PDB file of N, CA and C in Angstrom:
ATOM      1  N   MET A   1       4.476-154.174 138.199  1.00  0.00           N
ATOM      2  CA  MET A   1       4.885-154.033 136.866  1.00  0.00           C
ATOM      3  C   MET A   1       3.850-154.627 135.924  1.00  0.00           C
ATOM      4  N   ASN A   2       3.476-153.976 134.930  1.00  0.00           N
ATOM      5  CA  ASN A   2       2.411-154.368 133.887  1.00  0.00           C
ATOM      6  C   ASN A   2       3.077-155.355 132.939  1.00  0.00           C
ATOM      7  N   ARG A   3       2.354-156.360 132.635  1.00  0.00           N
ATOM      8  CA  ARG A   3       2.796-157.254 131.547  1.00  0.00           C
ATOM      9  C   ARG A   3       2.283-156.715 130.230  1.00  0.00           C
ATOM     10  N   ILE A   4       3.083-156.771 129.164  1.00  0.00           N
ATOM     11  CA  ILE A   4       2.626-156.431 127.856  1.00  0.00           C
ATOM     12  C   ILE A   4       2.565-157.564 126.983  1.00  0.00           C
ATOM     13  N   ASP A   5       1.442-157.742 126.283  1.00  0.00           N
ATOM     14  CA  ASP A   5       1.205-158.838 125.345  1.00  0.00           C
ATOM     15  C   ASP A   5       2.014-158.611 124.144  1.00  0.00           C
ATOM     16  N   ARG A   6       3.021-159.453 123.891  1.00  0.00           N
ATOM     17  CA  ARG A   6       3.878-159.329 122.778  1.00  0.00           C
ATOM     18  C   ARG A   6       3.824-160.453 121.758  1.00  0.00           C
ATOM     19  N   ARG A   7       2.582-160.762 121.417  1.00  0.00           N
ATOM     20  CA  ARG A   7       2.396-161.800 120.397  1.00  0.00           C
ATOM     21  C   ARG A   7       2.879-161.386 119.050  1.00  0.00           C
ATOM     22  N   VAL A   8       3.452-162.324 118.351  1.00  0.00           N
ATOM     23  CA  VAL A   8       3.854-161.958 116.909  1.00  0.00           C
ATOM     24  C   VAL A   8       2.598-161.850 116.093  1.00  0.00           C
ATOM     25  N   PRO A   9       2.606-160.703 115.314  1.00  0.00           N
ATOM     26  CA  PRO A   9       1.420-160.535 114.424  1.00  0.00           C
ATOM     27  C   PRO A   9       1.301-161.638 113.449  1.00  0.00           C
ATOM     28  N   MET A  10       0.069-161.968 113.170  1.00  0.00           N
ATOM     29  CA  MET A  10      -0.206-163.082 112.196  1.00  0.00           C
ATOM     30  C   MET A  10       0.191-162.578 110.749  1.00  0.00           C
ATOM     31  N   SER A  11       0.666-163.586 110.027  1.00  0.00           N
ATOM     32  CA  SER A  11       1.041-163.293 108.669  1.00  0.00           C
ATOM     33  C   SER A  11       0.558-164.479 107.824  1.00  0.00           C
ATOM     34  N   GLY A  12       0.447-164.294 106.619  1.00  0.00           N
ATOM     35  CA  GLY A  12       0.162-165.353 105.635  1.00  0.00           C
ATOM     36  C   GLY A  12      -1.381-165.511 105.536  1.00  0.00           C
ATOM     37  N   PRO A  13      -1.838-166.382 104.656  1.00  0.00           N
ATOM     38  CA  PRO A  13      -3.296-166.611 104.447  1.00  0.00           C
ATOM     39  C   PRO A  13      -3.915-167.482 105.544  1.00  0.00           C
ATOM     40  N   ALA A  14      -5.166-167.151 105.829  1.00  0.00           N
ATOM     41  CA  ALA A  14      -5.884-167.993 106.841  1.00  0.00           C
ATOM     42  C   ALA A  14      -6.756-168.958 106.011  1.00  0.00           C
ATOM     43  N   GLU A  15      -7.123-170.043 106.730  1.00  0.00           N
ATOM     44  CA  GLU A  15      -8.066-170.935 106.217  1.00  0.00           C
ATOM     45  C   GLU A  15      -9.430-170.735 106.975  1.00  0.00           C
ATOM     46  N   ILE A  16     -10.515-170.573 106.261  1.00  0.00           N
ATOM     47  CA  ILE A  16     -11.758-170.199 106.841  1.00  0.00           C
ATOM     48  C   ILE A  16     -12.934-171.028 106.276  1.00  0.00           C
ATOM     49  N   GLU A  17     -13.754-171.439 107.159  1.00  0.00           N
ATOM     50  CA  GLU A  17     -15.018-172.067 106.829  1.00  0.00           C
ATOM     51  C   GLU A  17     -16.056-171.014 106.741  1.00  0.00           C
ATOM     52  N   TYR A  18     -16.706-170.736 105.641  1.00  0.00           N
ATOM     53  CA  TYR A  18     -17.661-169.712 105.554  1.00  0.00           C
ATOM     54  C   TYR A  18     -19.113-170.259 105.847  1.00  0.00           C
ATOM     55  N   LEU A  19     -19.790-169.606 106.741  1.00  0.00           N
ATOM     56  CA  LEU A  19     -21.045-170.061 107.170  1.00  0.00           C
ATOM     57  C   LEU A  19     -22.115-168.930 106.962  1.00  0.00           C
ATOM     58  N   ASP A  20     -23.368-169.289 107.170  1.00  0.00           N
ATOM     59  CA  ASP A  20     -24.390-168.307 106.924  1.00  0.00           C
ATOM     60  C   ASP A  20     -24.337-167.140 107.965  1.00  0.00           C
ATOM     61  N   GLY A  21     -23.925-165.978 107.555  1.00  0.00           N
ATOM     62  CA  GLY A  21     -23.807-164.828 108.418  1.00  0.00           C
ATOM     63  C   GLY A  21     -22.613-164.820 109.364  1.00  0.00           C
ATOM     64  N   ASP A  22     -21.691-165.765 109.137  1.00  0.00           N
ATOM     65  CA  ASP A  22     -20.609-165.829 110.074  1.00  0.00           C
ATOM     66  C   ASP A  22     -19.426-166.710 109.433  1.00  0.00           C
ATOM     67  N   PHE A  23     -18.283-166.751 109.966  1.00  0.00           N
ATOM     68  CA  PHE A  23     -17.288-167.691 109.476  1.00  0.00           C
ATOM     69  C   PHE A  23     -16.484-168.277 110.622  1.00  0.00           C
ATOM     70  N   LYS A  24     -15.803-169.307 110.405  1.00  0.00           N
ATOM     71  CA  LYS A  24     -15.025-169.912 111.421  1.00  0.00           C
ATOM     72  C   LYS A  24     -13.560-170.082 110.910  1.00  0.00           C
ATOM     73  N   ILE A  25     -12.568-169.663 111.722  1.00  0.00           N
ATOM     74  CA  ILE A  25     -11.201-169.633 111.361  1.00  0.00           C
ATOM     75  C   ILE A  25     -10.729-171.102 111.604  1.00  0.00           C
ATOM     76  N   LYS A  26     -10.302-171.782 110.600  1.00  0.00           N
ATOM     77  CA  LYS A  26      -9.738-173.169 110.729  1.00  0.00           C
ATOM     78  C   LYS A  26      -8.240-173.058 110.907  1.00  0.00           C
ATOM     79  N   LYS A  27      -7.531-172.184 110.277  1.00  0.00           N
ATOM     80  CA  LYS A  27      -6.064-171.944 110.399  1.00  0.00           C
ATOM     81  C   LYS A  27      -5.911-170.485 110.521  1.00  0.00           C
ATOM     82  N   PRO A  28      -5.400-169.923 111.596  1.00  0.00           N
ATOM     83  CA  PRO A  28      -5.156-168.568 111.737  1.00  0.00           C
ATOM     84  C   PRO A  28      -4.256-167.878 110.674  1.00  0.00           C
ATOM     85  N   GLY A  29      -4.437-166.652 110.277  1.00  0.00           N
ATOM     86  CA  GLY A  29      -3.717-166.072 109.309  1.00  0.00           C
ATOM     87  C   GLY A  29      -4.116-164.501 109.231  1.00  0.00           C
ATOM     88  N   ALA A  30      -3.469-163.732 108.451  1.00  0.00           N
ATOM     89  CA  ALA A  30      -3.847-162.366 108.466  1.00  0.00           C
ATOM     90  C   ALA A  30      -4.847-162.006 107.458  1.00  0.00           C
ATOM     91  N   PHE A  31      -4.995-162.821 106.331  1.00  0.00           N
ATOM     92  CA  PHE A  31      -5.838-162.508 105.294  1.00  0.00           C
ATOM     93  C   PHE A  31      -6.468-163.702 104.538  1.00  0.00           C
ATOM     94  N   VAL A  32      -7.361-163.455 103.635  1.00  0.00           N
ATOM     95  CA  VAL A  32      -7.866-164.515 102.671  1.00  0.00           C
ATOM     96  C   VAL A  32      -7.657-163.821 101.314  1.00  0.00           C
ATOM     97  N   VAL A  33      -7.783-164.623 100.256  1.00  0.00           N
ATOM     98  CA  VAL A  33      -7.585-164.120  98.903  1.00  0.00           C
ATOM     99  C   VAL A  33      -8.931-164.074  98.193  1.00  0.00           C
ATOM    100  N   CYS A  34      -9.248-162.877  97.677  1.00  0.00           N
ATOM    101  CA  CYS A  34     -10.504-162.820  96.965  1.00  0.00           C
ATOM    102  C   CYS A  34     -10.568-163.723  95.781  1.00  0.00           C
ATOM    103  N   ALA A  35     -11.716-164.435  95.620  1.00  0.00           N
ATOM    104  CA  ALA A  35     -11.820-165.446  94.557  1.00  0.00           C
ATOM    105  C   ALA A  35     -11.967-164.752  93.232  1.00  0.00           C
ATOM    106  N   ALA A  36     -12.457-163.528  93.159  1.00  0.00           N
ATOM    107  CA  ALA A  36     -12.601-162.767  91.857  1.00  0.00           C
ATOM    108  C   ALA A  36     -11.416-162.031  91.395  1.00  0.00           C
ATOM    109  N   THR A  37     -10.746-161.379  92.378  1.00  0.00           N
ATOM    110  CA  THR A  37      -9.761-160.392  91.987  1.00  0.00           C
ATOM    111  C   THR A  37      -8.365-160.817  92.420  1.00  0.00           C
ATOM    112  N   GLY A  38      -8.138-161.742  93.341  1.00  0.00           N
ATOM    113  CA  GLY A  38      -6.912-162.218  93.894  1.00  0.00           C
ATOM    114  C   GLY A  38      -6.359-161.188  94.932  1.00  0.00           C
ATOM    115  N   ALA A  39      -7.127-160.150  95.291  1.00  0.00           N
ATOM    116  CA  ALA A  39      -6.724-159.206  96.300  1.00  0.00           C
ATOM    117  C   ALA A  39      -6.772-159.920  97.685  1.00  0.00           C
ATOM    118  N   HIS A  40      -5.813-159.409  98.500  1.00  0.00           N
ATOM    119  CA  HIS A  40      -5.672-159.886  99.918  1.00  0.00           C
ATOM    120  C   HIS A  40      -6.821-159.102 100.651  1.00  0.00           C
ATOM    121  N   ILE A  41      -7.574-159.789 101.461  1.00  0.00           N
ATOM    122  CA  ILE A  41      -8.667-159.289 102.324  1.00  0.00           C
ATOM    123  C   ILE A  41      -8.308-159.549 103.778  1.00  0.00           C
ATOM    124  N   MET A  42      -8.008-158.505 104.554  1.00  0.00           N
ATOM    125  CA  MET A  42      -7.730-158.717 106.008  1.00  0.00           C
ATOM    126  C   MET A  42      -8.869-159.339 106.609  1.00  0.00           C
ATOM    127  N   ILE A  43      -8.670-160.207 107.597  1.00  0.00           N
ATOM    128  CA  ILE A  43      -9.676-161.015 108.238  1.00  0.00           C
ATOM    129  C   ILE A  43     -10.704-160.011 108.872  1.00  0.00           C
ATOM    130  N   GLU A  44     -10.241-158.956 109.469  1.00  0.00           N
ATOM    131  CA  GLU A  44     -11.120-157.998 110.156  1.00  0.00           C
ATOM    132  C   GLU A  44     -11.922-157.181 109.171  1.00  0.00           C
ATOM    133  N   GLU A  45     -11.647-157.145 107.887  1.00  0.00           N
ATOM    134  CA  GLU A  45     -12.352-156.435 106.899  1.00  0.00           C
ATOM    135  C   GLU A  45     -13.181-157.434 105.975  1.00  0.00           C
ATOM    136  N   LEU A  46     -13.228-158.709 106.289  1.00  0.00           N
ATOM    137  CA  LEU A  46     -13.972-159.661 105.487  1.00  0.00           C
ATOM    138  C   LEU A  46     -15.455-159.524 105.690  1.00  0.00           C
ATOM    139  N   ARG A  47     -16.243-159.230 104.685  1.00  0.00           N
ATOM    140  CA  ARG A  47     -17.702-159.059 104.881  1.00  0.00           C
ATOM    141  C   ARG A  47     -18.561-159.824 103.818  1.00  0.00           C
ATOM    142  N   TYR A  48     -17.888-160.198 102.765  1.00  0.00           N
ATOM    143  CA  TYR A  48     -18.537-160.880 101.612  1.00  0.00           C
ATOM    144  C   TYR A  48     -17.954-162.287 101.330  1.00  0.00           C
ATOM    145  N   TRP A  49     -18.887-163.221 101.194  1.00  0.00           N
ATOM    146  CA  TRP A  49     -18.478-164.586 100.819  1.00  0.00           C
ATOM    147  C   TRP A  49     -19.591-165.427 100.323  1.00  0.00           C
ATOM    148  N   ASN A  50     -19.336-166.548  99.753  1.00  0.00           N
ATOM    149  CA  ASN A  50     -20.333-167.435  99.230  1.00  0.00           C
ATOM    150  C   ASN A  50     -20.154-168.714  99.981  1.00  0.00           C
ATOM    151  N   VAL A  51     -21.244-169.075 100.766  1.00  0.00           N
ATOM    152  CA  VAL A  51     -21.165-170.271 101.566  1.00  0.00           C
ATOM    153  C   VAL A  51     -21.111-171.531 100.624  1.00  0.00           C
ATOM    154  N   ASP A  52     -21.887-171.614  99.637  1.00  0.00           N
ATOM    155  CA  ASP A  52     -21.919-172.853  98.755  1.00  0.00           C
ATOM    156  C   ASP A  52     -20.545-173.103  98.136  1.00  0.00           C
ATOM    157  N   ARG A  53     -19.933-172.099  97.700  1.00  0.00           N
ATOM    158  CA  ARG A  53     -18.583-172.237  97.005  1.00  0.00           C
ATOM    159  C   ARG A  53     -17.372-172.094  97.943  1.00  0.00           C
ATOM    160  N   GLN A  54     -17.708-171.622  99.169  1.00  0.00           N
ATOM    161  CA  GLN A  54     -16.631-171.388 100.153  1.00  0.00           C
ATOM    162  C   GLN A  54     -15.553-170.439  99.608  1.00  0.00           C
ATOM    163  N   GLU A  55     -16.024-169.250  99.146  1.00  0.00           N
ATOM    164  CA  GLU A  55     -15.224-168.243  98.534  1.00  0.00           C
ATOM    165  C   GLU A  55     -15.403-166.911  99.134  1.00  0.00           C
ATOM    166  N   PRO A  56     -14.289-166.186  99.451  1.00  0.00           N
ATOM    167  CA  PRO A  56     -14.393-164.886  99.911  1.00  0.00           C
ATOM    168  C   PRO A  56     -14.294-163.808  98.765  1.00  0.00           C
ATOM    169  N   TYR A  57     -14.872-162.615  98.921  1.00  0.00           N
ATOM    170  CA  TYR A  57     -14.909-161.601  97.994  1.00  0.00           C
ATOM    171  C   TYR A  57     -14.455-160.267  98.659  1.00  0.00           C
ATOM    172  N   ALA A  58     -13.704-159.432  97.979  1.00  0.00           N
ATOM    173  CA  ALA A  58     -13.271-158.135  98.487  1.00  0.00           C
ATOM    174  C   ALA A  58     -14.347-157.161  98.688  1.00  0.00           C
ATOM    175  N   GLY A  59     -15.549-157.350  97.976  1.00  0.00           N
ATOM    176  CA  GLY A  59     -16.719-156.404  98.093  1.00  0.00           C
ATOM    177  C   GLY A  59     -17.813-156.866  97.119  1.00  0.00           C
ATOM    178  N   PRO A  60     -18.835-156.121  97.175  1.00  0.00           N
ATOM    179  CA  PRO A  60     -19.981-156.511  96.295  1.00  0.00           C
ATOM    180  C   PRO A  60     -19.659-156.469  94.818  1.00  0.00           C
ATOM    181  N   GLU A  61     -18.693-155.592  94.430  1.00  0.00           N
ATOM    182  CA  GLU A  61     -18.378-155.503  93.079  1.00  0.00           C
ATOM    183  C   GLU A  61     -17.592-156.848  92.625  1.00  0.00           C
ATOM    184  N   ALA A  62     -16.752-157.307  93.565  1.00  0.00           N
ATOM    185  CA  ALA A  62     -15.991-158.468  93.377  1.00  0.00           C
ATOM    186  C   ALA A  62     -16.892-159.687  93.263  1.00  0.00           C
ATOM    187  N   LYS A  63     -17.961-159.751  94.036  1.00  0.00           N
ATOM    188  CA  LYS A  63     -18.797-160.792  94.022  1.00  0.00           C
ATOM    189  C   LYS A  63     -19.573-160.841  92.679  1.00  0.00           C
ATOM    190  N   MET A  64     -19.996-159.637  92.104  1.00  0.00           N
ATOM    191  CA  MET A  64     -20.629-159.588  90.858  1.00  0.00           C
ATOM    192  C   MET A  64     -19.594-160.055  89.694  1.00  0.00           C
ATOM    193  N   LEU A  65     -18.399-159.620  89.881  1.00  0.00           N
ATOM    194  CA  LEU A  65     -17.407-160.014  88.823  1.00  0.00           C
ATOM    195  C   LEU A  65     -17.257-161.507  88.878  1.00  0.00           C
ATOM    196  N   ARG A  66     -17.236-162.157  90.008  1.00  0.00           N
ATOM    197  CA  ARG A  66     -17.068-163.606  90.136  1.00  0.00           C
ATOM    198  C   ARG A  66     -18.307-164.276  89.573  1.00  0.00           C
ATOM    199  N   LEU A  67     -19.437-163.864  89.703  1.00  0.00           N
ATOM    200  CA  LEU A  67     -20.667-164.354  89.052  1.00  0.00           C
ATOM    201  C   LEU A  67     -20.617-164.302  87.572  1.00  0.00           C
ATOM    202  N   GLN A  68     -19.976-163.187  87.044  1.00  0.00           N
ATOM    203  CA  GLN A  68     -19.756-163.060  85.589  1.00  0.00           C
ATOM    204  C   GLN A  68     -18.735-164.045  85.127  1.00  0.00           C
ATOM    205  N   GLN A  69     -17.645-164.165  85.933  1.00  0.00           N
ATOM    206  CA  GLN A  69     -16.596-165.126  85.539  1.00  0.00           C
ATOM    207  C   GLN A  69     -17.143-166.578  85.447  1.00  0.00           C
ATOM    208  N   LEU A  70     -18.088-166.838  86.246  1.00  0.00           N
ATOM    209  CA  LEU A  70     -18.642-168.239  86.349  1.00  0.00           C
ATOM    210  C   LEU A  70     -19.755-168.358  85.334  1.00  0.00           C
ATOM    211  N   GLY A  71     -20.152-167.316  84.570  1.00  0.00           N
ATOM    212  CA  GLY A  71     -21.198-167.402  83.642  1.00  0.00           C
ATOM    213  C   GLY A  71     -22.546-167.348  84.266  1.00  0.00           C
ATOM    214  N   GLU A  72     -22.667-166.933  85.449  1.00  0.00           N
ATOM    215  CA  GLU A  72     -23.967-166.913  86.082  1.00  0.00           C
ATOM    216  C   GLU A  72     -24.696-165.583  85.948  1.00  0.00           C
ATOM    217  N   LEU A  73     -23.954-164.555  85.425  1.00  0.00           N
ATOM    218  CA  LEU A  73     -24.489-163.262  85.094  1.00  0.00           C
ATOM    219  C   LEU A  73     -23.951-162.883  83.688  1.00  0.00           C
ATOM    220  N   PRO A  74     -24.786-162.221  82.861  1.00  0.00           N
ATOM    221  CA  PRO A  74     -24.200-161.764  81.512  1.00  0.00           C
ATOM    222  C   PRO A  74     -23.094-160.804  81.779  1.00  0.00           C
ATOM    223  N   ARG A  75     -22.104-160.723  80.966  1.00  0.00           N
ATOM    224  CA  ARG A  75     -21.045-159.790  81.007  1.00  0.00           C
ATOM    225  C   ARG A  75     -21.509-158.412  80.512  1.00  0.00           C
ATOM    226  N   LYS A  76     -21.058-157.391  81.040  1.00  0.00           N
ATOM    227  CA  LYS A  76     -21.372-156.040  80.523  1.00  0.00           C
ATOM    228  C   LYS A  76     -20.745-155.833  79.179  1.00  0.00           C
ATOM    229  N   PRO A  77     -21.478-155.198  78.223  1.00  0.00           N
ATOM    230  CA  PRO A  77     -20.838-154.899  76.857  1.00  0.00           C
ATOM    231  C   PRO A  77     -19.771-153.966  76.961  1.00  0.00           C
TER     232      PRO A  77
END
């Protein structure tokens, strides 16, 4: 008889340490919250973050938006 892995799917936010080119999961969860938009980013889809600020972003546009929010880039007219 085959055994089936019946783990409960993860839910809720994860705690992550963002590293250069990688990240380390400190507390398991299903997603992180984008620092710019508040969107949930599934862990397996996480590709953009800022190591210095320890912030995740939903995509390159969200990162640019965050830089504008912080006043590090001029806002578009």
